[in-house]
Amino acid sequence: MTDHELRLLRCAADDELLFHIGSWGGPAGYRWQGPDGSEAGQVPPWDEPVLDQLADRGLITIEARRGPFDRRVLLSRAGAEAMATLSAAA
């Protein structure tokens, strides 16, 4: 796992990411989550494909819910295990 991937896994673990589905304005994609839970800006474009890869590998998940609201990006069990393994090795 690269440092970039690990940094983004930590962001998911720290509840710093949202996914905007694009249904109520703006393009779909990842956003930063502010301290109050609201959207706090767009994730840089170079982070988006890395987040997609982490999701494809089952290390993060996007919250499933109805409606046009942003969804939280969550660390999966596999992602937590990967982080624990890397922390133990360090």
Foldseek 3Di string as FASTA:
>chain_A
DDPLLLVVLVCQAVQQKWWQPQPPHDHTFMFTADPVRDGDGGDDPVSGVSVVVCVVVVQWDWDDDDDRDITTIHGGPVVVVVNVVVVVVD
